Amino acid sequence: MTREELIRRIKETAYLEGDFVLRSGKRSNYYLDKYLFETCPDILKALGAEFAAHAGDDVTLIAGAELGGVALAAATAMETGKNWVIIRNSKKGYGTGKMVEGVLSEGDVVLLVEDIATTGGQVIEAAKIITEAGAAVKKIVCVIDRKQGAEENTTQAGYKFESILTKDDLGIKDT
């Protein structure tokens, strides 16, 4: 899928207009429903290839934060052949009670994939869990940067941030 096709498919599949409250607490006149594009095999496959281009030979592991990053991390792992882990938002009160599902080892070099980045809050928390486990986050890459502080906040927290697309690429204007 070309970049232009990916942009078209994501916008026609997941772009909604209205009055929305985002995870960050901010209000928005549009919403990008990640589950609408992450559940389309053609888009998910294309995103796996896009993320894989960011992995590089030094990356030993792919990570995605629950819930939106899970399908993206799996698609990236399938494209790269590298193992992947899920970073939980909170510990479960049963079973193993782990914050990381899968095998994250000290010394791993991790590509952390994210869906939609607004302020970067969730992905920064996931990155902290990875670094506290003794691994290094090579970079954080999101599908779409809403251009509302995620890059600045992530960089300020000490992580490299990139995006596959921005709201500008999708032709979205805030009102």
N, C-alpha and C. Protein backbone atom coordinates (compact mmCIF):
# COMPACT_ATOMS: atom_id res chain seq x y z
N MET A 1 0.85 -1.17 0.00
CA MET A 1 0.00 0.00 0.00
C MET A 1 0.90 1.23 0.00
N THR A 2 0.61 2.18 -0.87
CA THR A 2 1.40 3.41 -0.91
C THR A 2 1.01 4.30 0.27
N ARG A 3 1.83 5.30 0.54
CA ARG A 3 1.56 6.25 1.62
C ARG A 3 0.21 6.94 1.38
N GLU A 4 -0.03 7.34 0.14
CA GLU A 4 -1.28 8.02 -0.20
C GLU A 4 -2.49 7.11 0.03
N GLU A 5 -2.34 5.84 -0.32
CA GLU A 5 -3.44 4.88 -0.08
C GLU A 5 -3.66 4.67 1.41
N LEU A 6 -2.58 4.60 2.17
CA LEU A 6 -2.69 4.44 3.62
C LEU A 6 -3.42 5.63 4.23
N ILE A 7 -3.05 6.82 3.83
CA ILE A 7 -3.72 8.03 4.32
C ILE A 7 -5.20 7.99 3.98
N ARG A 8 -5.51 7.67 2.74
CA ARG A 8 -6.92 7.61 2.31
C ARG A 8 -7.70 6.57 3.11
N ARG A 9 -7.11 5.37 3.26
CA ARG A 9 -7.80 4.29 3.97
C ARG A 9 -8.04 4.63 5.44
N ILE A 10 -7.03 5.20 6.09
CA ILE A 10 -7.22 5.55 7.51
C ILE A 10 -8.28 6.63 7.65
N LYS A 11 -8.22 7.65 6.80
CA LYS A 11 -9.19 8.74 6.93
C LYS A 11 -10.61 8.26 6.64
N GLU A 12 -10.79 7.47 5.58
CA GLU A 12 -12.15 7.02 5.24
C GLU A 12 -12.68 6.01 6.25
N THR A 13 -11.79 5.32 6.94
CA THR A 13 -12.19 4.28 7.89
C THR A 13 -12.40 4.81 9.30
N ALA A 14 -11.55 5.73 9.75
CA ALA A 14 -11.51 6.03 11.18
C ALA A 14 -11.75 7.49 11.56
N TYR A 15 -11.89 8.39 10.60
CA TYR A 15 -12.06 9.81 10.91
C TYR A 15 -13.53 10.11 11.19
N LEU A 16 -13.80 10.64 12.39
CA LEU A 16 -15.16 10.98 12.80
C LEU A 16 -15.20 12.45 13.21
N GLU A 17 -16.27 13.14 12.87
CA GLU A 17 -16.45 14.53 13.28
C GLU A 17 -17.53 14.60 14.34
N GLY A 18 -17.40 15.56 15.25
CA GLY A 18 -18.37 15.74 16.32
C GLY A 18 -17.72 16.44 17.50
N ASP A 19 -18.21 16.15 18.69
CA ASP A 19 -17.65 16.73 19.92
C ASP A 19 -17.17 15.56 20.78
N PHE A 20 -15.84 15.48 20.97
CA PHE A 20 -15.26 14.33 21.64
C PHE A 20 -14.35 14.78 22.78
N VAL A 21 -14.30 13.97 23.83
CA VAL A 21 -13.33 14.15 24.90
C VAL A 21 -12.28 13.07 24.70
N LEU A 22 -11.02 13.48 24.64
CA LEU A 22 -9.91 12.56 24.41
C LEU A 22 -9.38 12.02 25.74
N ARG A 23 -8.55 10.97 25.66
CA ARG A 23 -7.95 10.39 26.87
C ARG A 23 -7.21 11.45 27.67
N SER A 24 -6.61 12.41 26.99
CA SER A 24 -5.87 13.48 27.64
C SER A 24 -6.78 14.43 28.40
N GLY A 25 -8.11 14.32 28.18
CA GLY A 25 -9.05 15.24 28.81
C GLY A 25 -9.40 16.41 27.92
N LYS A 26 -8.64 16.58 26.84
CA LYS A 26 -8.90 17.67 25.90
C LYS A 26 -10.15 17.37 25.08
N ARG A 27 -10.84 18.43 24.66
CA ARG A 27 -11.99 18.30 23.77
C ARG A 27 -11.50 18.47 22.33
N SER A 28 -12.18 17.78 21.43
CA SER A 28 -11.80 17.85 20.02
C SER A 28 -13.04 17.78 19.14
N ASN A 29 -12.95 18.45 17.99
CA ASN A 29 -14.04 18.41 17.01
C ASN A 29 -13.90 17.22 16.06
N TYR A 30 -12.85 16.42 16.26
CA TYR A 30 -12.70 15.19 15.47
C TYR A 30 -12.13 14.10 16.34
N TYR A 31 -12.33 12.88 15.89
CA TYR A 31 -11.81 11.72 16.59
C TYR A 31 -11.30 10.73 15.56
N LEU A 32 -10.15 10.17 15.82
CA LEU A 32 -9.59 9.11 14.97
C LEU A 32 -9.77 7.81 15.75
N ASP A 33 -10.74 7.01 15.34
CA ASP A 33 -11.05 5.78 16.04
C ASP A 33 -10.07 4.69 15.62
N LYS A 34 -9.05 4.52 16.43
CA LYS A 34 -7.97 3.57 16.13
C LYS A 34 -8.47 2.16 15.92
N TYR A 35 -9.52 1.78 16.63
CA TYR A 35 -10.02 0.42 16.49
C TYR A 35 -10.66 0.20 15.13
N LEU A 36 -11.17 1.25 14.53
CA LEU A 36 -11.73 1.10 13.19
C LEU A 36 -10.65 0.82 12.16
N PHE A 37 -9.46 1.45 12.30
CA PHE A 37 -8.41 1.14 11.32
C PHE A 37 -7.57 -0.06 11.72
N GLU A 38 -7.41 -0.31 13.03
CA GLU A 38 -6.60 -1.45 13.46
C GLU A 38 -7.28 -2.79 13.21
N THR A 39 -8.57 -2.78 12.99
CA THR A 39 -9.29 -4.02 12.73
C THR A 39 -9.48 -4.30 11.24
N CYS A 40 -8.87 -3.48 10.40
CA CYS A 40 -8.89 -3.70 8.94
C CYS A 40 -7.55 -4.34 8.55
N PRO A 41 -7.56 -5.59 8.08
CA PRO A 41 -6.30 -6.29 7.78
C PRO A 41 -5.38 -5.55 6.82
N ASP A 42 -5.92 -4.90 5.79
CA ASP A 42 -5.05 -4.21 4.83
C ASP A 42 -4.31 -3.04 5.48
N ILE A 43 -5.00 -2.29 6.33
CA ILE A 43 -4.37 -1.16 7.01
C ILE A 43 -3.38 -1.67 8.05
N LEU A 44 -3.76 -2.67 8.81
CA LEU A 44 -2.89 -3.22 9.84
C LEU A 44 -1.60 -3.77 9.24
N LYS A 45 -1.73 -4.47 8.13
CA LYS A 45 -0.54 -5.02 7.45
C LYS A 45 0.38 -3.89 6.98
N ALA A 46 -0.21 -2.85 6.39
CA ALA A 46 0.59 -1.70 5.93
C ALA A 46 1.28 -1.00 7.10
N LEU A 47 0.59 -0.88 8.22
CA LEU A 47 1.19 -0.24 9.39
C LEU A 47 2.31 -1.10 9.96
N GLY A 48 2.15 -2.42 9.94
CA GLY A 48 3.23 -3.30 10.38
C GLY A 48 4.49 -3.07 9.57
N ALA A 49 4.33 -2.90 8.27
CA ALA A 49 5.48 -2.64 7.39
C ALA A 49 6.08 -1.27 7.68
N GLU A 50 5.23 -0.28 7.93
CA GLU A 50 5.73 1.08 8.24
C GLU A 50 6.53 1.07 9.54
N PHE A 51 6.00 0.43 10.57
CA PHE A 51 6.71 0.35 11.85
C PHE A 51 8.01 -0.44 11.70
N ALA A 52 7.98 -1.52 10.93
CA ALA A 52 9.17 -2.36 10.74
C ALA A 52 10.33 -1.55 10.17
N ALA A 53 10.02 -0.56 9.34
CA ALA A 53 11.07 0.29 8.76
C ALA A 53 11.79 1.10 9.83
N HIS A 54 11.18 1.25 11.00
CA HIS A 54 11.79 1.99 12.11
C HIS A 54 12.60 1.10 13.05
N ALA A 55 12.49 -0.22 12.87
CA ALA A 55 13.09 -1.14 13.83
C ALA A 55 14.61 -1.17 13.78
N GLY A 56 15.20 -1.35 12.63
CA GLY A 56 16.65 -1.43 12.55
C GLY A 56 17.18 -2.72 13.15
N ASP A 57 18.41 -3.03 12.85
CA ASP A 57 19.03 -4.27 13.30
C ASP A 57 19.27 -4.32 14.80
N ASP A 58 19.42 -3.15 15.44
CA ASP A 58 19.72 -3.14 16.88
C ASP A 58 18.50 -3.40 17.75
N VAL A 59 17.30 -3.26 17.20
CA VAL A 59 16.09 -3.52 17.98
C VAL A 59 15.95 -5.02 18.20
N THR A 60 15.76 -5.39 19.46
CA THR A 60 15.61 -6.81 19.81
C THR A 60 14.17 -7.18 20.13
N LEU A 61 13.31 -6.17 20.35
CA LEU A 61 11.95 -6.44 20.81
C LEU A 61 11.02 -5.31 20.38
N ILE A 62 9.78 -5.68 20.08
CA ILE A 62 8.73 -4.72 19.76
C ILE A 62 7.80 -4.67 20.98
N ALA A 63 7.30 -3.48 21.32
CA ALA A 63 6.36 -3.35 22.44
C ALA A 63 5.19 -2.49 22.04
N GLY A 64 4.03 -2.80 22.60
CA GLY A 64 2.84 -2.00 22.41
C GLY A 64 2.07 -1.93 23.71
N ALA A 65 1.55 -0.75 24.02
CA ALA A 65 0.76 -0.58 25.24
C ALA A 65 -0.67 -1.05 24.98
N GLU A 66 -1.24 -1.66 26.02
CA GLU A 66 -2.63 -2.10 25.87
C GLU A 66 -3.53 -0.88 25.76
N LEU A 67 -4.54 -0.89 25.08
CA LEU A 67 -5.06 -1.91 24.22
C LEU A 67 -4.74 -1.59 22.76
N GLY A 68 -4.67 -0.33 22.44
CA GLY A 68 -4.48 0.07 21.05
C GLY A 68 -3.16 -0.33 20.43
N GLY A 69 -2.11 -0.47 21.24
CA GLY A 69 -0.81 -0.83 20.70
C GLY A 69 -0.61 -2.32 20.48
N VAL A 70 -1.54 -3.14 20.94
CA VAL A 70 -1.36 -4.59 20.88
C VAL A 70 -1.37 -5.11 19.44
N ALA A 71 -2.39 -4.77 18.68
CA ALA A 71 -2.45 -5.23 17.28
C ALA A 71 -1.29 -4.66 16.47
N LEU A 72 -0.92 -3.42 16.75
CA LEU A 72 0.18 -2.78 16.03
C LEU A 72 1.50 -3.48 16.32
N ALA A 73 1.74 -3.82 17.58
CA ALA A 73 2.97 -4.52 17.95
C ALA A 73 3.00 -5.91 17.32
N ALA A 74 1.86 -6.59 17.31
CA ALA A 74 1.80 -7.93 16.71
C ALA A 74 2.08 -7.85 15.21
N ALA A 75 1.49 -6.88 14.53
CA ALA A 75 1.72 -6.73 13.09
C ALA A 75 3.18 -6.41 12.80
N THR A 76 3.79 -5.58 13.65
CA THR A 76 5.20 -5.21 13.47
C THR A 76 6.09 -6.41 13.72
N ALA A 77 5.78 -7.18 14.75
CA ALA A 77 6.55 -8.39 15.05
C ALA A 77 6.48 -9.38 13.90
N MET A 78 5.31 -9.54 13.32
CA MET A 78 5.18 -10.46 12.19
C MET A 78 5.97 -9.98 10.98
N GLU A 79 6.04 -8.68 10.80
CA GLU A 79 6.79 -8.11 9.67
C GLU A 79 8.31 -8.24 9.90
N THR A 80 8.76 -8.05 11.15
CA THR A 80 10.19 -8.06 11.45
C THR A 80 10.73 -9.42 11.86
N GLY A 81 9.85 -10.30 12.34
CA GLY A 81 10.29 -11.58 12.88
C GLY A 81 10.84 -11.45 14.29
N LYS A 82 10.65 -10.29 14.92
CA LYS A 82 11.14 -10.07 16.29
C LYS A 82 10.00 -10.33 17.28
N ASN A 83 10.35 -10.79 18.46
CA ASN A 83 9.36 -11.00 19.51
C ASN A 83 8.76 -9.67 19.94
N TRP A 84 7.62 -9.77 20.65
CA TRP A 84 6.96 -8.55 21.10
C TRP A 84 6.35 -8.76 22.47
N VAL A 85 6.09 -7.63 23.13
CA VAL A 85 5.48 -7.65 24.46
C VAL A 85 4.34 -6.64 24.52
N ILE A 86 3.46 -6.89 25.49
CA ILE A 86 2.36 -5.98 25.78
C ILE A 86 2.68 -5.28 27.10
N ILE A 87 2.57 -3.96 27.10
CA ILE A 87 2.76 -3.19 28.33
C ILE A 87 1.36 -2.85 28.86
N ARG A 88 1.07 -3.33 30.05
CA ARG A 88 -0.25 -3.11 30.64
C ARG A 88 -0.39 -1.68 31.17
N ASN A 89 -1.63 -1.22 31.22
CA ASN A 89 -1.93 0.09 31.82
C ASN A 89 -1.92 0.01 33.34
N SER A 90 -2.29 -1.17 33.86
CA SER A 90 -2.28 -1.38 35.30
C SER A 90 -2.17 -2.87 35.57
N LYS A 91 -1.70 -3.19 36.77
CA LYS A 91 -1.55 -4.61 37.14
C LYS A 91 -2.91 -5.25 37.28
N LYS A 92 -3.00 -6.50 36.82
CA LYS A 92 -4.22 -7.27 37.05
C LYS A 92 -4.24 -7.70 38.51
N GLY A 93 -5.42 -7.86 39.03
CA GLY A 93 -5.56 -8.29 40.41
C GLY A 93 -5.61 -9.80 40.54
N TYR A 94 -5.22 -10.51 39.50
CA TYR A 94 -5.26 -11.98 39.52
C TYR A 94 -4.12 -12.50 38.65
N GLY A 95 -3.93 -13.81 38.65
CA GLY A 95 -2.88 -14.41 37.83
C GLY A 95 -1.50 -13.93 38.26
N THR A 96 -0.67 -13.60 37.29
CA THR A 96 0.72 -13.22 37.58
C THR A 96 0.86 -11.78 38.05
N GLY A 97 -0.12 -10.94 37.74
CA GLY A 97 -0.06 -9.54 38.18
C GLY A 97 1.06 -8.75 37.54
N LYS A 98 1.51 -9.15 36.37
CA LYS A 98 2.64 -8.48 35.71
C LYS A 98 2.20 -7.23 34.95
N MET A 99 3.13 -6.30 34.80
CA MET A 99 2.89 -5.11 33.98
C MET A 99 3.31 -5.35 32.53
N VAL A 100 4.13 -6.38 32.31
CA VAL A 100 4.59 -6.71 30.96
C VAL A 100 4.19 -8.14 30.66
N GLU A 101 3.50 -8.34 29.56
CA GLU A 101 3.13 -9.68 29.12
C GLU A 101 4.04 -10.07 27.97
N GLY A 102 4.69 -11.21 28.10
CA GLY A 102 5.72 -11.62 27.15
C GLY A 102 7.05 -11.51 27.87
N VAL A 103 8.14 -11.65 27.14
CA VAL A 103 9.46 -11.65 27.76
C VAL A 103 10.21 -10.37 27.41
N LEU A 104 10.37 -9.52 28.41
CA LEU A 104 11.17 -8.30 28.32
C LEU A 104 12.38 -8.52 29.19
N SER A 105 13.57 -8.48 28.59
CA SER A 105 14.80 -8.77 29.33
C SER A 105 15.65 -7.52 29.49
N GLU A 106 16.41 -7.51 30.57
CA GLU A 106 17.38 -6.44 30.77
C GLU A 106 18.31 -6.43 29.56
N GLY A 107 18.57 -5.24 29.02
CA GLY A 107 19.44 -5.11 27.86
C GLY A 107 18.72 -5.11 26.52
N ASP A 108 17.43 -5.46 26.51
CA ASP A 108 16.68 -5.39 25.25
C ASP A 108 16.67 -3.96 24.73
N VAL A 109 16.66 -3.84 23.41
CA VAL A 109 16.49 -2.56 22.73
C VAL A 109 15.11 -2.62 22.09
N VAL A 110 14.24 -1.72 22.51
CA VAL A 110 12.81 -1.83 22.21
C VAL A 110 12.33 -0.73 21.27
N LEU A 111 11.54 -1.15 20.28
CA LEU A 111 10.76 -0.21 19.48
C LEU A 111 9.36 -0.22 20.08
N LEU A 112 8.93 0.91 20.61
CA LEU A 112 7.61 1.03 21.24
C LEU A 112 6.66 1.66 20.24
N VAL A 113 5.62 0.92 19.86
CA VAL A 113 4.66 1.41 18.87
C VAL A 113 3.40 1.88 19.57
N GLU A 114 2.79 2.91 19.00
CA GLU A 114 1.61 3.55 19.59
C GLU A 114 0.62 3.88 18.48
N ASP A 115 -0.63 4.00 18.84
CA ASP A 115 -1.66 4.30 17.85
C ASP A 115 -1.77 5.81 17.61
N ILE A 116 -2.57 6.49 18.39
CA ILE A 116 -2.79 7.92 18.23
C ILE A 116 -2.11 8.63 19.39
N ALA A 117 -1.27 9.61 19.09
CA ALA A 117 -0.59 10.36 20.15
C ALA A 117 -1.16 11.77 20.22
N THR A 118 -1.65 12.13 21.40
CA THR A 118 -2.14 13.48 21.63
C THR A 118 -1.12 14.21 22.50
N THR A 119 -1.06 13.86 23.78
CA THR A 119 -0.07 14.46 24.68
C THR A 119 1.10 13.50 24.95
N GLY A 120 0.91 12.23 24.61
CA GLY A 120 1.96 11.23 24.83
C GLY A 120 1.94 10.59 26.21
N GLY A 121 0.97 10.92 27.03
CA GLY A 121 0.94 10.43 28.41
C GLY A 121 1.02 8.92 28.55
N GLN A 122 0.18 8.19 27.83
CA GLN A 122 0.15 6.73 27.98
C GLN A 122 1.45 6.11 27.49
N VAL A 123 1.95 6.55 26.36
CA VAL A 123 3.15 5.93 25.80
C VAL A 123 4.39 6.26 26.63
N ILE A 124 4.42 7.42 27.25
CA ILE A 124 5.53 7.76 28.15
C ILE A 124 5.51 6.83 29.36
N GLU A 125 4.33 6.56 29.90
CA GLU A 125 4.22 5.62 31.03
C GLU A 125 4.69 4.22 30.62
N ALA A 126 4.32 3.79 29.42
CA ALA A 126 4.76 2.48 28.93
C ALA A 126 6.28 2.46 28.77
N ALA A 127 6.86 3.54 28.27
CA ALA A 127 8.31 3.62 28.09
C ALA A 127 9.02 3.55 29.44
N LYS A 128 8.46 4.16 30.46
CA LYS A 128 9.05 4.12 31.81
C LYS A 128 9.08 2.69 32.34
N ILE A 129 8.01 1.94 32.10
CA ILE A 129 7.96 0.54 32.55
C ILE A 129 9.06 -0.26 31.86
N ILE A 130 9.28 -0.01 30.59
CA ILE A 130 10.33 -0.70 29.84
C ILE A 130 11.70 -0.36 30.39
N THR A 131 11.96 0.91 30.62
CA THR A 131 13.29 1.31 31.11
C THR A 131 13.51 0.86 32.55
N GLU A 132 12.46 0.85 33.36
CA GLU A 132 12.59 0.36 34.74
C GLU A 132 12.94 -1.13 34.77
N ALA A 133 12.61 -1.85 33.70
CA ALA A 133 12.95 -3.28 33.61
C ALA A 133 14.38 -3.50 33.11
N GLY A 134 15.09 -2.40 32.85
CA GLY A 134 16.48 -2.51 32.42
C GLY A 134 16.68 -2.58 30.91
N ALA A 135 15.62 -2.34 30.17
CA ALA A 135 15.72 -2.31 28.70
C ALA A 135 15.80 -0.86 28.24
N ALA A 136 16.16 -0.67 26.98
CA ALA A 136 16.26 0.67 26.41
C ALA A 136 15.19 0.86 25.35
N VAL A 137 14.53 2.00 25.38
CA VAL A 137 13.57 2.34 24.33
C VAL A 137 14.34 3.07 23.24
N LYS A 138 14.50 2.41 22.10
CA LYS A 138 15.21 3.05 20.98
C LYS A 138 14.44 4.26 20.50
N LYS A 139 13.15 4.07 20.28
CA LYS A 139 12.28 5.17 19.93
C LYS A 139 10.83 4.75 20.07
N ILE A 140 10.01 5.77 20.15
CA ILE A 140 8.56 5.59 20.18
C ILE A 140 8.04 6.07 18.84
N VAL A 141 7.26 5.23 18.18
CA VAL A 141 6.68 5.60 16.89
C VAL A 141 5.18 5.41 16.96
N CYS A 142 4.44 6.44 16.58
CA CYS A 142 2.98 6.34 16.58
C CYS A 142 2.45 6.34 15.15
N VAL A 143 1.23 5.87 15.00
CA VAL A 143 0.59 5.91 13.69
C VAL A 143 0.28 7.35 13.33
N ILE A 144 -0.41 8.07 14.24
CA ILE A 144 -0.81 9.45 13.95
C ILE A 144 -0.49 10.35 15.14
N ASP A 145 0.22 11.42 14.86
CA ASP A 145 0.49 12.46 15.85
C ASP A 145 -0.56 13.56 15.65
N ARG A 146 -1.37 13.80 16.69
CA ARG A 146 -2.39 14.83 16.62
C ARG A 146 -1.79 16.24 16.72
N LYS A 147 -0.47 16.32 16.95
CA LYS A 147 0.24 17.61 17.04
C LYS A 147 -0.29 18.46 18.19
N GLN A 148 -0.48 17.81 19.35
CA GLN A 148 -0.95 18.53 20.53
C GLN A 148 -0.02 18.31 21.72
N GLY A 149 1.27 18.14 21.44
CA GLY A 149 2.25 18.07 22.52
C GLY A 149 2.93 16.74 22.71
N ALA A 150 2.49 15.69 22.02
CA ALA A 150 3.09 14.36 22.23
C ALA A 150 4.59 14.35 21.93
N GLU A 151 4.98 14.93 20.81
CA GLU A 151 6.41 14.91 20.45
C GLU A 151 7.23 15.67 21.48
N GLU A 152 6.77 16.83 21.87
CA GLU A 152 7.50 17.64 22.84
C GLU A 152 7.57 16.94 24.20
N ASN A 153 6.45 16.42 24.66
CA ASN A 153 6.42 15.75 25.96
C ASN A 153 7.27 14.49 25.98
N THR A 154 7.22 13.73 24.91
CA THR A 154 8.00 12.49 24.82
C THR A 154 9.49 12.80 24.78
N THR A 155 9.86 13.79 24.01
CA THR A 155 11.26 14.21 23.92
C THR A 155 11.75 14.73 25.27
N GLN A 156 10.91 15.54 25.92
CA GLN A 156 11.27 16.07 27.25
C GLN A 156 11.43 14.95 28.27
N ALA A 157 10.69 13.86 28.11
CA ALA A 157 10.81 12.71 29.02
C ALA A 157 12.04 11.87 28.71
N GLY A 158 12.76 12.22 27.63
CA GLY A 158 14.01 11.54 27.33
C GLY A 158 13.93 10.46 26.26
N TYR A 159 12.84 10.44 25.51
CA TYR A 159 12.66 9.41 24.47
C TYR A 159 12.59 10.05 23.09
N LYS A 160 13.06 9.30 22.11
CA LYS A 160 12.98 9.75 20.71
C LYS A 160 11.56 9.43 20.21
N PHE A 161 10.95 10.40 19.53
CA PHE A 161 9.57 10.26 19.06
C PHE A 161 9.49 10.48 17.56
N GLU A 162 8.75 9.61 16.89
CA GLU A 162 8.48 9.78 15.47
C GLU A 162 7.04 9.35 15.20
N SER A 163 6.51 9.81 14.09
CA SER A 163 5.17 9.37 13.70
C SER A 163 5.16 8.97 12.24
N ILE A 164 4.28 8.03 11.91
CA ILE A 164 4.11 7.63 10.52
C ILE A 164 3.34 8.72 9.80
N LEU A 165 2.29 9.23 10.45
CA LEU A 165 1.46 10.30 9.89
C LEU A 165 1.17 11.33 10.95
N THR A 166 0.72 12.50 10.51
CA THR A 166 0.23 13.53 11.42
C THR A 166 -1.18 13.90 10.98
N LYS A 167 -1.85 14.64 11.83
CA LYS A 167 -3.19 15.12 11.46
C LYS A 167 -3.11 15.94 10.19
N ASP A 168 -1.99 16.63 9.98
CA ASP A 168 -1.83 17.43 8.76
C ASP A 168 -1.79 16.55 7.52
N ASP A 169 -1.13 15.40 7.61
CA ASP A 169 -1.08 14.46 6.47
C ASP A 169 -2.49 14.01 6.09
N LEU A 170 -3.36 13.91 7.11
CA LEU A 170 -4.73 13.47 6.87
C LEU A 170 -5.64 14.64 6.46
N GLY A 171 -5.09 15.85 6.40
CA GLY A 171 -5.87 17.01 6.02
C GLY A 171 -6.85 17.46 7.08
N ILE A 172 -6.53 17.18 8.35
CA ILE A 172 -7.44 17.52 9.45
C ILE A 172 -7.05 18.87 10.03
N LYS A 173 -8.06 19.71 10.20
CA LYS A 173 -7.87 21.04 10.80
C LYS A 173 -8.66 21.11 12.09
N ASP A 174 -8.05 21.64 13.14
CA ASP A 174 -8.76 21.88 14.39
C ASP A 174 -9.62 23.12 14.22
N THR A 175 -10.80 23.10 14.83
CA THR A 175 -11.65 24.29 14.79
C THR A 175 -11.96 24.76 16.19
